[in-house]
Amino acid sequence: MAKKVYLLDSENRKVNSGFSGRIYSKPLTMTDDNTTRFETTTKKLRDVIIIVETYAMLLGRRGSVVYPVDVDDTLGFTKVDISTLYFKNAAAGENGKITILGVEE
């Protein structure tokens, strides 16, 4: 019987060398000026693209939303749990729209 060989990452976790995961696509339009968590439960994605439309937004984590993203800008991550991402309108009353695209783990 043939012996299986696995590729391991730097933390000795098995790496899936094939294609996997479903496409994830979700828009979110802000409805107020509060800091908003994009997903309320764990959602791990690969090859993530964040698209900011209509108005500029601030991106960060809970209690620290400080990274500005201009309207029509995109931001990318290789791997991220998007439930850790928080957004807020950059200017009061300007409800921005965010779309996140990625591949589910």
C-alpha atoms as a PDB file:
ATOM      1  CA  MET A   1       0.000   0.000   0.000  1.00  0.00           C
ATOM      2  CA  ALA A   2       1.293   3.483  -0.858  1.00  0.00           C
ATOM      3  CA  LYS A   3       2.293   5.738   2.000  1.00  0.00           C
ATOM      4  CA  LYS A   4       0.527   9.135   2.153  1.00  0.00           C
ATOM      5  CA  VAL A   5       2.734  12.201   2.289  1.00  0.00           C
ATOM      6  CA  TYR A   6       1.435  15.513   3.617  1.00  0.00           C
ATOM      7  CA  LEU A   7       2.770  19.025   3.200  1.00  0.00           C
ATOM      8  CA  LEU A   8       3.063  20.844   6.549  1.00  0.00           C
ATOM      9  CA  ASP A   9       3.158  24.571   7.248  1.00  0.00           C
ATOM     10  CA  SER A  10       5.595  26.299   9.617  1.00  0.00           C
ATOM     11  CA  GLU A  11       3.463  25.236  12.610  1.00  0.00           C
ATOM     12  CA  ASN A  12       3.323  21.581  11.498  1.00  0.00           C
ATOM     13  CA  ARG A  13      -0.313  21.802  10.397  1.00  0.00           C
ATOM     14  CA  LYS A  14      -1.408  19.821   7.367  1.00  0.00           C
ATOM     15  CA  VAL A  15      -1.704  22.018   4.261  1.00  0.00           C
ATOM     16  CA  ASN A  16      -4.470  21.282   1.777  1.00  0.00           C
ATOM     17  CA  SER A  17      -2.787  21.415  -1.613  1.00  0.00           C
ATOM     18  CA  GLY A  18      -6.015  21.193  -3.624  1.00  0.00           C
ATOM     19  CA  PHE A  19      -8.839  23.624  -4.139  1.00  0.00           C
ATOM     20  CA  SER A  20     -11.323  23.933  -1.328  1.00  0.00           C
ATOM     21  CA  GLY A  21     -13.865  26.237   0.190  1.00  0.00           C
ATOM     22  CA  ARG A  22     -16.862  28.064  -1.121  1.00  0.00           C
ATOM     23  CA  ILE A  23     -16.857  31.619  -2.375  1.00  0.00           C
ATOM     24  CA  TYR A  24     -17.963  34.097   0.302  1.00  0.00           C
ATOM     25  CA  SER A  25     -19.536  37.406  -0.692  1.00  0.00           C
ATOM     26  CA  LYS A  26     -21.409  39.691   1.660  1.00  0.00           C
ATOM     27  CA  PRO A  27     -22.249  43.411   1.556  1.00  0.00           C
ATOM     28  CA  LEU A  28     -22.926  45.544   4.629  1.00  0.00           C
ATOM     29  CA  THR A  29     -24.337  49.075   4.533  1.00  0.00           C
ATOM     30  CA  MET A  30     -23.911  51.058   7.715  1.00  0.00           C
ATOM     31  CA  THR A  31     -27.154  52.351   9.241  1.00  0.00           C
ATOM     32  CA  ASP A  32     -25.667  54.564  11.966  1.00  0.00           C
ATOM     33  CA  ASP A  33     -22.338  55.912  13.240  1.00  0.00           C
ATOM     34  CA  ASN A  34     -21.686  53.080  15.713  1.00  0.00           C
ATOM     35  CA  THR A  35     -18.775  50.673  15.399  1.00  0.00           C
ATOM     36  CA  THR A  36     -20.116  47.533  13.704  1.00  0.00           C
ATOM     37  CA  ARG A  37     -18.703  44.000  13.742  1.00  0.00           C
ATOM     38  CA  PHE A  38     -18.855  42.531  10.222  1.00  0.00           C
ATOM     39  CA  GLU A  39     -19.734  38.977  11.335  1.00  0.00           C
ATOM     40  CA  THR A  40     -20.983  38.015  14.791  1.00  0.00           C
ATOM     41  CA  THR A  41     -19.551  34.474  14.738  1.00  0.00           C
ATOM     42  CA  THR A  42     -16.214  33.072  13.607  1.00  0.00           C
ATOM     43  CA  LYS A  43     -15.827  33.179   9.815  1.00  0.00           C
ATOM     44  CA  LYS A  44     -12.341  32.301   8.581  1.00  0.00           C
ATOM     45  CA  LEU A  45     -11.549  33.303   5.004  1.00  0.00           C
ATOM     46  CA  ARG A  46      -8.600  33.163   2.607  1.00  0.00           C
ATOM     47  CA  ASP A  47      -7.730  35.579  -0.188  1.00  0.00           C
ATOM     48  CA  VAL A  48      -9.963  38.297   1.243  1.00  0.00           C
ATOM     49  CA  ILE A  49     -10.837  41.501  -0.606  1.00  0.00           C
ATOM     50  CA  ILE A  50     -12.622  44.311   1.225  1.00  0.00           C
ATOM     51  CA  ILE A  51     -14.279  46.885  -1.031  1.00  0.00           C
ATOM     52  CA  VAL A  52     -15.427  50.226   0.402  1.00  0.00           C
ATOM     53  CA  GLU A  53     -18.180  52.002  -1.532  1.00  0.00           C
ATOM     54  CA  THR A  54     -20.274  55.186  -1.212  1.00  0.00           C
ATOM     55  CA  TYR A  55     -18.350  56.790   1.733  1.00  0.00           C
ATOM     56  CA  ALA A  56     -14.997  56.381   3.495  1.00  0.00           C
ATOM     57  CA  MET A  57     -14.831  53.974   6.441  1.00  0.00           C
ATOM     58  CA  LEU A  58     -12.637  53.271   9.440  1.00  0.00           C
ATOM     59  CA  LEU A  59     -11.452  49.687   9.973  1.00  0.00           C
ATOM     60  CA  GLY A  60     -10.094  48.113  13.128  1.00  0.00           C
ATOM     61  CA  ARG A  61     -10.785  45.807  15.985  1.00  0.00           C
ATOM     62  CA  ARG A  62     -13.130  46.151  18.925  1.00  0.00           C
ATOM     63  CA  GLY A  63     -12.362  49.372  20.777  1.00  0.00           C
ATOM     64  CA  SER A  64      -9.814  50.529  18.208  1.00  0.00           C
ATOM     65  CA  VAL A  65     -11.266  51.463  14.807  1.00  0.00           C
ATOM     66  CA  VAL A  66      -8.501  53.638  13.414  1.00  0.00           C
ATOM     67  CA  TYR A  67      -7.383  52.494   9.956  1.00  0.00           C
ATOM     68  CA  PRO A  68      -8.944  54.769   7.292  1.00  0.00           C
ATOM     69  CA  VAL A  69     -10.145  53.247   4.021  1.00  0.00           C
ATOM     70  CA  ASP A  70     -11.224  55.723   1.350  1.00  0.00           C
ATOM     71  CA  VAL A  71     -14.272  55.346  -0.846  1.00  0.00           C
ATOM     72  CA  ASP A  72     -13.632  53.057  -3.850  1.00  0.00           C
ATOM     73  CA  ASP A  73     -10.527  51.601  -2.180  1.00  0.00           C
ATOM     74  CA  THR A  74      -9.887  47.911  -1.706  1.00  0.00           C
ATOM     75  CA  LEU A  75      -7.952  46.183   1.025  1.00  0.00           C
ATOM     76  CA  GLY A  76      -6.707  42.607   0.979  1.00  0.00           C
ATOM     77  CA  PHE A  77      -5.761  39.926   3.484  1.00  0.00           C
ATOM     78  CA  THR A  78      -4.302  36.472   2.852  1.00  0.00           C
ATOM     79  CA  LYS A  79      -6.085  34.864   5.817  1.00  0.00           C
ATOM     80  CA  VAL A  80      -8.368  36.482   8.375  1.00  0.00           C
ATOM     81  CA  ASP A  81     -11.269  35.714  10.685  1.00  0.00           C
ATOM     82  CA  ILE A  82     -13.616  38.466   9.536  1.00  0.00           C
ATOM     83  CA  SER A  83     -15.553  38.308  12.808  1.00  0.00           C
ATOM     84  CA  THR A  84     -12.580  40.216  14.259  1.00  0.00           C
ATOM     85  CA  LEU A  85     -13.077  43.146  11.847  1.00  0.00           C
ATOM     86  CA  TYR A  86     -15.011  46.222  12.928  1.00  0.00           C
ATOM     87  CA  PHE A  87     -16.098  49.128  10.744  1.00  0.00           C
ATOM     88  CA  LYS A  88     -17.312  52.642  11.407  1.00  0.00           C
ATOM     89  CA  ASN A  89     -18.294  55.597   9.232  1.00  0.00           C
ATOM     90  CA  ALA A  90     -15.303  57.922   8.773  1.00  0.00           C
ATOM     91  CA  ALA A  91     -17.652  60.929   8.951  1.00  0.00           C
ATOM     92  CA  ALA A  92     -20.861  61.135  10.964  1.00  0.00           C
ATOM     93  CA  GLY A  93     -23.991  60.516   8.908  1.00  0.00           C
ATOM     94  CA  GLU A  94     -22.140  59.203   5.848  1.00  0.00           C
ATOM     95  CA  ASN A  95     -23.254  55.563   5.827  1.00  0.00           C
ATOM     96  CA  GLY A  96     -20.674  53.607   3.874  1.00  0.00           C
ATOM     97  CA  LYS A  97     -21.079  50.234   2.206  1.00  0.00           C
ATOM     98  CA  ILE A  98     -18.526  47.442   2.592  1.00  0.00           C
ATOM     99  CA  THR A  99     -18.395  44.251   0.573  1.00  0.00           C
ATOM    100  CA  ILE A 100     -16.164  41.374   1.593  1.00  0.00           C
ATOM    101  CA  LEU A 101     -15.178  38.692  -0.907  1.00  0.00           C
ATOM    102  CA  GLY A 102     -13.114  35.631  -0.064  1.00  0.00           C
ATOM    103  CA  VAL A 103     -12.816  31.855   0.045  1.00  0.00           C
ATOM    104  CA  GLU A 104     -14.134  30.004   3.089  1.00  0.00           C
ATOM    105  CA  GLU A 105     -11.679  27.816   4.984  1.00  0.00           C
END
